[in-house]
PDB file of all heavy atoms in Angstrom:
ATOM      1  N   TYR A   1     110.996 100.032 108.797  1.00  0.00           N
ATOM      2  CA  TYR A   1     110.660  98.642 108.465  1.00  0.00           C
ATOM      3  C   TYR A   1     109.184  98.356 108.747  1.00  0.00           C
ATOM      4  O   TYR A   1     108.483  97.744 107.935  1.00  0.00           O
ATOM      5  CB  TYR A   1     111.532  97.659 109.263  1.00  0.00           C
ATOM      6  CG  TYR A   1     113.004  97.718 108.925  1.00  0.00           C
ATOM      7  CD1 TYR A   1     113.970  97.532 109.912  1.00  0.00           C
ATOM      8  CD2 TYR A   1     113.435  97.960 107.618  1.00  0.00           C
ATOM      9  CE1 TYR A   1     115.330  97.587 109.615  1.00  0.00           C
ATOM     10  CE2 TYR A   1     114.794  98.010 107.309  1.00  0.00           C
ATOM     11  CZ  TYR A   1     115.735  97.831 108.307  1.00  0.00           C
ATOM     12  OH  TYR A   1     117.069  97.878 108.001  1.00  0.00           O
ATOM     13  N   VAL A   2     108.717  98.804 109.910  1.00  0.00           N
ATOM     14  CA  VAL A   2     107.307  98.590 110.279  1.00  0.00           C
ATOM     15  C   VAL A   2     106.388  99.337 109.313  1.00  0.00           C
ATOM     16  O   VAL A   2     105.403  98.782 108.808  1.00  0.00           O
ATOM     17  CB  VAL A   2     107.049  99.049 111.735  1.00  0.00           C
ATOM     18  CG1 VAL A   2     105.554  98.984 112.057  1.00  0.00           C
ATOM     19  CG2 VAL A   2     107.845  98.208 112.714  1.00  0.00           C
ATOM     20  N   LEU A   3     106.719 100.610 109.039  1.00  0.00           N
ATOM     21  CA  LEU A   3     105.891 101.417 108.132  1.00  0.00           C
ATOM     22  C   LEU A   3     105.858 100.820 106.731  1.00  0.00           C
ATOM     23  O   LEU A   3     104.797 100.765 106.091  1.00  0.00           O
ATOM     24  CB  LEU A   3     106.426 102.860 108.073  1.00  0.00           C
ATOM     25  CG  LEU A   3     106.211 103.706 109.328  1.00  0.00           C
ATOM     26  CD1 LEU A   3     107.044 104.977 109.260  1.00  0.00           C
ATOM     27  CD2 LEU A   3     104.733 104.049 109.515  1.00  0.00           C
ATOM     28  N   GLY A   4     107.013 100.349 106.257  1.00  0.00           N
ATOM     29  CA  GLY A   4     107.079  99.744 104.927  1.00  0.00           C
ATOM     30  C   GLY A   4     106.153  98.549 104.807  1.00  0.00           C
ATOM     31  O   GLY A   4     105.452  98.382 103.804  1.00  0.00           O
ATOM     32  N   LEU A   5     106.128  97.722 105.842  1.00  0.00           N
ATOM     33  CA  LEU A   5     105.254  96.543 105.838  1.00  0.00           C
ATOM     34  C   LEU A   5     103.777  96.952 105.908  1.00  0.00           C
ATOM     35  O   LEU A   5     102.920  96.341 105.257  1.00  0.00           O
ATOM     36  CB  LEU A   5     105.614  95.618 107.014  1.00  0.00           C
ATOM     37  CG  LEU A   5     106.965  94.905 106.895  1.00  0.00           C
ATOM     38  CD1 LEU A   5     107.292  94.163 108.193  1.00  0.00           C
ATOM     39  CD2 LEU A   5     106.974  93.940 105.711  1.00  0.00           C
ATOM     40  N   ILE A   6     103.479  97.980 106.714  1.00  0.00           N
ATOM     41  CA  ILE A   6     102.091  98.465 106.822  1.00  0.00           C
ATOM     42  C   ILE A   6     101.611  98.974 105.467  1.00  0.00           C
ATOM     43  O   ILE A   6     100.532  98.606 104.978  1.00  0.00           O
ATOM     44  CB  ILE A   6     101.970  99.578 107.886  1.00  0.00           C
ATOM     45  CG1 ILE A   6     102.175  99.009 109.294  1.00  0.00           C
ATOM     46  CG2 ILE A   6     100.598 100.259 107.792  1.00  0.00           C
ATOM     47  CD1 ILE A   6     102.262 100.065 110.381  1.00  0.00           C
ATOM     48  N   TYR A   7     102.425  99.842 104.836  1.00  0.00           N
ATOM     49  CA  TYR A   7     102.023 100.425 103.550  1.00  0.00           C
ATOM     50  C   TYR A   7     101.863  99.339 102.481  1.00  0.00           C
ATOM     51  O   TYR A   7     100.895  99.335 101.724  1.00  0.00           O
ATOM     52  CB  TYR A   7     103.067 101.444 103.062  1.00  0.00           C
ATOM     53  CG  TYR A   7     103.290 102.620 103.975  1.00  0.00           C
ATOM     54  CD1 TYR A   7     104.548 103.217 104.075  1.00  0.00           C
ATOM     55  CD2 TYR A   7     102.248 103.149 104.731  1.00  0.00           C
ATOM     56  CE1 TYR A   7     104.760 104.298 104.903  1.00  0.00           C
ATOM     57  CE2 TYR A   7     102.447 104.236 105.572  1.00  0.00           C
ATOM     58  CZ  TYR A   7     103.717 104.805 105.655  1.00  0.00           C
ATOM     59  OH  TYR A   7     103.928 105.876 106.487  1.00  0.00           O
ATOM     60  N   MET A   8     102.825  98.430 102.436  1.00  0.00           N
ATOM     61  CA  MET A   8     102.774  97.392 101.409  1.00  0.00           C
ATOM     62  C   MET A   8     101.544  96.510 101.588  1.00  0.00           C
ATOM     63  O   MET A   8     100.851  96.191 100.613  1.00  0.00           O
ATOM     64  CB  MET A   8     104.051  96.547 101.460  1.00  0.00           C
ATOM     65  CG  MET A   8     104.216  95.642 100.243  1.00  0.00           C
ATOM     66  SD  MET A   8     105.686  94.601 100.289  1.00  0.00           S
ATOM     67  CE  MET A   8     106.975  95.778  99.946  1.00  0.00           C
ATOM     68  N   THR A   9     101.243  96.161 102.832  1.00  0.00           N
ATOM     69  CA  THR A   9     100.069  95.327 103.113  1.00  0.00           C
ATOM     70  C   THR A   9      98.776  96.037 102.717  1.00  0.00           C
ATOM     71  O   THR A   9      97.893  95.452 102.077  1.00  0.00           O
ATOM     72  CB  THR A   9     100.018  94.946 104.607  1.00  0.00           C
ATOM     73  OG1 THR A   9     101.226  94.265 104.961  1.00  0.00           O
ATOM     74  CG2 THR A   9      98.825  94.063 104.913  1.00  0.00           C
ATOM     75  N   LEU A  10      98.664  97.312 103.089  1.00  0.00           N
ATOM     76  CA  LEU A  10      97.460  98.094 102.771  1.00  0.00           C
ATOM     77  C   LEU A  10      97.255  98.225 101.267  1.00  0.00           C
ATOM     78  O   LEU A  10      96.154  98.011 100.753  1.00  0.00           O
ATOM     79  CB  LEU A  10      97.577  99.491 103.390  1.00  0.00           C
ATOM     80  CG  LEU A  10      96.780  99.782 104.659  1.00  0.00           C
ATOM     81  CD1 LEU A  10      97.116 101.172 105.185  1.00  0.00           C
ATOM     82  CD2 LEU A  10      95.284  99.677 104.410  1.00  0.00           C
ATOM     83  N   ILE A  11      98.331  98.583 100.552  1.00  0.00           N
ATOM     84  CA  ILE A  11      98.214  98.806  99.107  1.00  0.00           C
ATOM     85  C   ILE A  11      97.942  97.499  98.366  1.00  0.00           C
ATOM     86  O   ILE A  11      97.070  97.433  97.491  1.00  0.00           O
ATOM     87  CB  ILE A  11      99.479  99.504  98.547  1.00  0.00           C
ATOM     88  CG1 ILE A  11      99.648 100.884  99.200  1.00  0.00           C
ATOM     89  CG2 ILE A  11      99.365  99.662  97.036  1.00  0.00           C
ATOM     90  CD1 ILE A  11     100.961 101.576  98.857  1.00  0.00           C
ATOM     91  N   LEU A  12      98.677  96.431  98.729  1.00  0.00           N
ATOM     92  CA  LEU A  12      98.484  95.146  98.044  1.00  0.00           C
ATOM     93  C   LEU A  12      97.093  94.581  98.307  1.00  0.00           C
ATOM     94  O   LEU A  12      96.456  94.009  97.405  1.00  0.00           O
ATOM     95  CB  LEU A  12      99.563  94.144  98.469  1.00  0.00           C
ATOM     96  CG  LEU A  12     101.002  94.478  98.052  1.00  0.00           C
ATOM     97  CD1 LEU A  12     101.963  93.407  98.539  1.00  0.00           C
ATOM     98  CD2 LEU A  12     101.117  94.647  96.547  1.00  0.00           C
ATOM     99  N   SER A  13      96.598  94.737  99.538  1.00  0.00           N
ATOM    100  CA  SER A  13      95.240  94.262  99.864  1.00  0.00           C
ATOM    101  C   SER A  13      94.196  95.028  99.062  1.00  0.00           C
ATOM    102  O   SER A  13      93.230  94.445  98.538  1.00  0.00           O
ATOM    103  CB  SER A  13      94.963  94.434 101.359  1.00  0.00           C
ATOM    104  OG  SER A  13      95.896  93.725 102.133  1.00  0.00           O
ATOM    105  N   SER A  14      94.374  96.343  98.971  1.00  0.00           N
ATOM    106  CA  SER A  14      93.438  97.182  98.213  1.00  0.00           C
ATOM    107  C   SER A  14      93.477  96.832  96.730  1.00  0.00           C
ATOM    108  O   SER A  14      92.441  96.771  96.056  1.00  0.00           O
ATOM    109  CB  SER A  14      93.782  98.665  98.410  1.00  0.00           C
ATOM    110  OG  SER A  14      93.676  99.029  99.776  1.00  0.00           O
ATOM    111  N   ALA A  15      94.695  96.607  96.203  1.00  0.00           N
ATOM    112  CA  ALA A  15      94.858  96.310  94.775  1.00  0.00           C
ATOM    113  C   ALA A  15      94.204  94.989  94.386  1.00  0.00           C
ATOM    114  O   ALA A  15      93.791  94.800  93.236  1.00  0.00           O
ATOM    115  CB  ALA A  15      96.342  96.296  94.407  1.00  0.00           C
ATOM    116  N   ARG A  16      94.087  94.056  95.337  1.00  0.00           N
ATOM    117  CA  ARG A  16      93.475  92.750  95.040  1.00  0.00           C
ATOM    118  C   ARG A  16      91.985  92.887  94.709  1.00  0.00           C
ATOM    119  O   ARG A  16      91.437  92.098  93.937  1.00  0.00           O
ATOM    120  CB  ARG A  16      93.646  91.795  96.227  1.00  0.00           C
ATOM    121  CG  ARG A  16      94.992  91.110  96.271  1.00  0.00           C
ATOM    122  CD  ARG A  16      95.044  90.076  97.380  1.00  0.00           C
ATOM    123  NE  ARG A  16      94.076  89.007  97.191  1.00  0.00           N
ATOM    124  CZ  ARG A  16      94.247  87.958  96.391  1.00  0.00           C
ATOM    125  NH1 ARG A  16      95.350  87.857  95.678  1.00  0.00           N
ATOM    126  NH2 ARG A  16      93.324  87.019  96.292  1.00  0.00           N
ATOM    127  N   TYR A  17      91.320  93.905  95.299  1.00  0.00           N
ATOM    128  CA  TYR A  17      89.874  94.042  95.080  1.00  0.00           C
ATOM    129  C   TYR A  17      89.547  94.954  93.893  1.00  0.00           C
ATOM    130  O   TYR A  17      88.573  94.753  93.190  1.00  0.00           O
ATOM    131  CB  TYR A  17      89.198  94.591  96.345  1.00  0.00           C
ATOM    132  CG  TYR A  17      87.683  94.517  96.280  1.00  0.00           C
ATOM    133  CD1 TYR A  17      87.015  93.321  96.556  1.00  0.00           C
ATOM    134  CD2 TYR A  17      86.922  95.618  95.908  1.00  0.00           C
ATOM    135  CE1 TYR A  17      85.630  93.239  96.473  1.00  0.00           C
ATOM    136  CE2 TYR A  17      85.537  95.545  95.820  1.00  0.00           C
ATOM    137  CZ  TYR A  17      84.900  94.359  96.110  1.00  0.00           C
ATOM    138  OH  TYR A  17      83.523  94.278  96.018  1.00  0.00           O
ATOM    139  N   ILE A  18      90.383  95.961  93.688  1.00  0.00           N
ATOM    140  CA  ILE A  18      90.044  96.981  92.694  1.00  0.00           C
ATOM    141  C   ILE A  18      90.155  96.426  91.274  1.00  0.00           C
ATOM    142  O   ILE A  18      91.074  95.687  90.947  1.00  0.00           O
ATOM    143  CB  ILE A  18      90.946  98.231  92.884  1.00  0.00           C
ATOM    144  CG1 ILE A  18      90.354  99.443  92.170  1.00  0.00           C
ATOM    145  CG2 ILE A  18      92.375  97.977  92.446  1.00  0.00           C
ATOM    146  CD1 ILE A  18      91.009 100.751  92.567  1.00  0.00           C
ATOM    147  N   GLU A  19      89.155  96.723  90.453  1.00  0.00           N
ATOM    148  CA  GLU A  19      89.188  96.317  89.041  1.00  0.00           C
ATOM    149  C   GLU A  19      88.233  97.208  88.255  1.00  0.00           C
ATOM    150  O   GLU A  19      87.402  97.924  88.828  1.00  0.00           O
ATOM    151  CB  GLU A  19      88.801  94.850  88.870  1.00  0.00           C
ATOM    152  CG  GLU A  19      87.384  94.521  89.243  1.00  0.00           C
ATOM    153  CD  GLU A  19      87.024  93.055  89.002  1.00  0.00           C
ATOM    154  OE1 GLU A  19      87.897  92.183  89.179  1.00  0.00           O
ATOM    155  OE2 GLU A  19      85.869  92.792  88.658  1.00  0.00           O
ATOM    156  N   ARG A  20      88.368  97.166  86.940  1.00  0.00           N
ATOM    157  CA  ARG A  20      87.490  97.957  86.080  1.00  0.00           C
ATOM    158  C   ARG A  20      86.078  97.370  86.063  1.00  0.00           C
ATOM    159  O   ARG A  20      85.915  96.157  86.202  1.00  0.00           O
ATOM    160  CB  ARG A  20      88.026  97.975  84.649  1.00  0.00           C
ATOM    161  CG  ARG A  20      89.358  98.688  84.487  1.00  0.00           C
ATOM    162  CD  ARG A  20      89.852  98.514  83.063  1.00  0.00           C
ATOM    163  NE  ARG A  20      91.125  99.183  82.859  1.00  0.00           N
ATOM    164  CZ  ARG A  20      92.115  98.696  82.139  1.00  0.00           C
ATOM    165  NH1 ARG A  20      91.988  97.497  81.576  1.00  0.00           N
ATOM    166  NH2 ARG A  20      93.236  99.364  81.980  1.00  0.00           N
ATOM    167  N   PRO A  21      85.062  98.205  85.853  1.00  0.00           N
ATOM    168  CA  PRO A  21      83.698  97.673  85.713  1.00  0.00           C
ATOM    169  C   PRO A  21      83.510  97.058  84.329  1.00  0.00           C
ATOM    170  O   PRO A  21      84.325  97.288  83.427  1.00  0.00           O
ATOM    171  CB  PRO A  21      82.832  98.930  85.873  1.00  0.00           C
ATOM    172  CG  PRO A  21      83.690 100.040  85.366  1.00  0.00           C
ATOM    173  CD  PRO A  21      85.102  99.675  85.744  1.00  0.00           C
ATOM    174  N   PRO A  22      82.438  96.288  84.132  1.00  0.00           N
ATOM    175  CA  PRO A  22      82.165  95.751  82.796  1.00  0.00           C
ATOM    176  C   PRO A  22      81.929  96.895  81.800  1.00  0.00           C
ATOM    177  O   PRO A  22      81.541  98.010  82.190  1.00  0.00           O
ATOM    178  CB  PRO A  22      80.871  94.943  82.991  1.00  0.00           C
ATOM    179  CG  PRO A  22      80.734  94.756  84.462  1.00  0.00           C
ATOM    180  CD  PRO A  22      81.430  95.893  85.120  1.00  0.00           C
ATOM    181  N   GLU A  23      82.174  96.631  80.531  1.00  0.00           N
ATOM    182  CA  GLU A  23      81.963  97.632  79.479  1.00  0.00           C
ATOM    183  C   GLU A  23      80.523  98.135  79.507  1.00  0.00           C
ATOM    184  O   GLU A  23      79.577  97.368  79.629  1.00  0.00           O
ATOM    185  CB  GLU A  23      82.255  96.995  78.116  1.00  0.00           C
ATOM    186  CG  GLU A  23      82.445  98.004  76.991  1.00  0.00           C
ATOM    187  CD  GLU A  23      83.705  98.827  77.136  1.00  0.00           C
ATOM    188  OE1 GLU A  23      84.725  98.294  77.624  1.00  0.00           O
ATOM    189  OE2 GLU A  23      83.661 100.009  76.781  1.00  0.00           O
ATOM    190  N   GLY A  24      80.346  99.451  79.450  1.00  0.00           N
ATOM    191  CA  GLY A  24      79.009 100.040  79.429  1.00  0.00           C
ATOM    192  C   GLY A  24      78.297 100.014  80.766  1.00  0.00           C
ATOM    193  O   GLY A  24      77.075 100.153  80.831  1.00  0.00           O
ATOM    194  N   TYR A  25      79.048  99.850  81.865  1.00  0.00           N
ATOM    195  CA  TYR A  25      78.449  99.745  83.205  1.00  0.00           C
ATOM    196  C   TYR A  25      77.638 100.986  83.562  1.00  0.00           C
ATOM    197  O   TYR A  25      78.061 102.118  83.321  1.00  0.00           O
ATOM    198  CB  TYR A  25      79.555  99.531  84.241  1.00  0.00           C
ATOM    199  CG  TYR A  25      79.101  99.733  85.671  1.00  0.00           C
ATOM    200  CD1 TYR A  25      78.394  98.739  86.347  1.00  0.00           C
ATOM    201  CD2 TYR A  25      79.352 100.935  86.337  1.00  0.00           C
ATOM    202  CE1 TYR A  25      77.958  98.924  87.644  1.00  0.00           C
ATOM    203  CE2 TYR A  25      78.920 101.133  87.640  1.00  0.00           C
ATOM    204  CZ  TYR A  25      78.226 100.129  88.292  1.00  0.00           C
ATOM    205  OH  TYR A  25      77.801 100.331  89.582  1.00  0.00           O
ATOM    206  N   MET A  26      76.463 100.750  84.145  1.00  0.00           N
ATOM    207  CA  MET A  26      75.635 101.809  84.731  1.00  0.00           C
ATOM    208  C   MET A  26      75.250 101.366  86.138  1.00  0.00           C
ATOM    209  O   MET A  26      74.956 100.184  86.355  1.00  0.00           O
ATOM    210  CB  MET A  26      74.366 102.035  83.898  1.00  0.00           C
ATOM    211  CG  MET A  26      74.603 102.847  82.633  1.00  0.00           C
ATOM    212  SD  MET A  26      75.019 104.556  83.015  1.00  0.00           S
ATOM    213  CE  MET A  26      76.051 104.970  81.617  1.00  0.00           C
ATOM    214  N   PRO A  27      75.249 102.298  87.108  1.00  0.00           N
ATOM    215  CA  PRO A  27      74.929 101.907  88.485  1.00  0.00           C
ATOM    216  C   PRO A  27      73.526 101.353  88.633  1.00  0.00           C
ATOM    217  O   PRO A  27      72.611 101.750  87.910  1.00  0.00           O
ATOM    218  CB  PRO A  27      75.100 103.219  89.278  1.00  0.00           C
ATOM    219  CG  PRO A  27      75.164 104.301  88.282  1.00  0.00           C
ATOM    220  CD  PRO A  27      75.569 103.721  86.981  1.00  0.00           C
ATOM    221  N   SER A  28      73.364 100.430  89.563  1.00  0.00           N
ATOM    222  CA  SER A  28      72.074  99.796  89.821  1.00  0.00           C
ATOM    223  C   SER A  28      71.047 100.847  90.248  1.00  0.00           C
ATOM    224  O   SER A  28      71.327 101.710  91.079  1.00  0.00           O
ATOM    225  CB  SER A  28      72.239  98.756  90.938  1.00  0.00           C
ATOM    226  OG  SER A  28      70.996  98.203  91.268  1.00  0.00           O
TER     227      SER A  28
END
């Protein structure tokens, strides 16, 4: 139960930030 909550929290938190870059993105 504890591990399930830890994993779910970590993955959901990470998923909130991750997204695709704009089309044609080049690093600064």
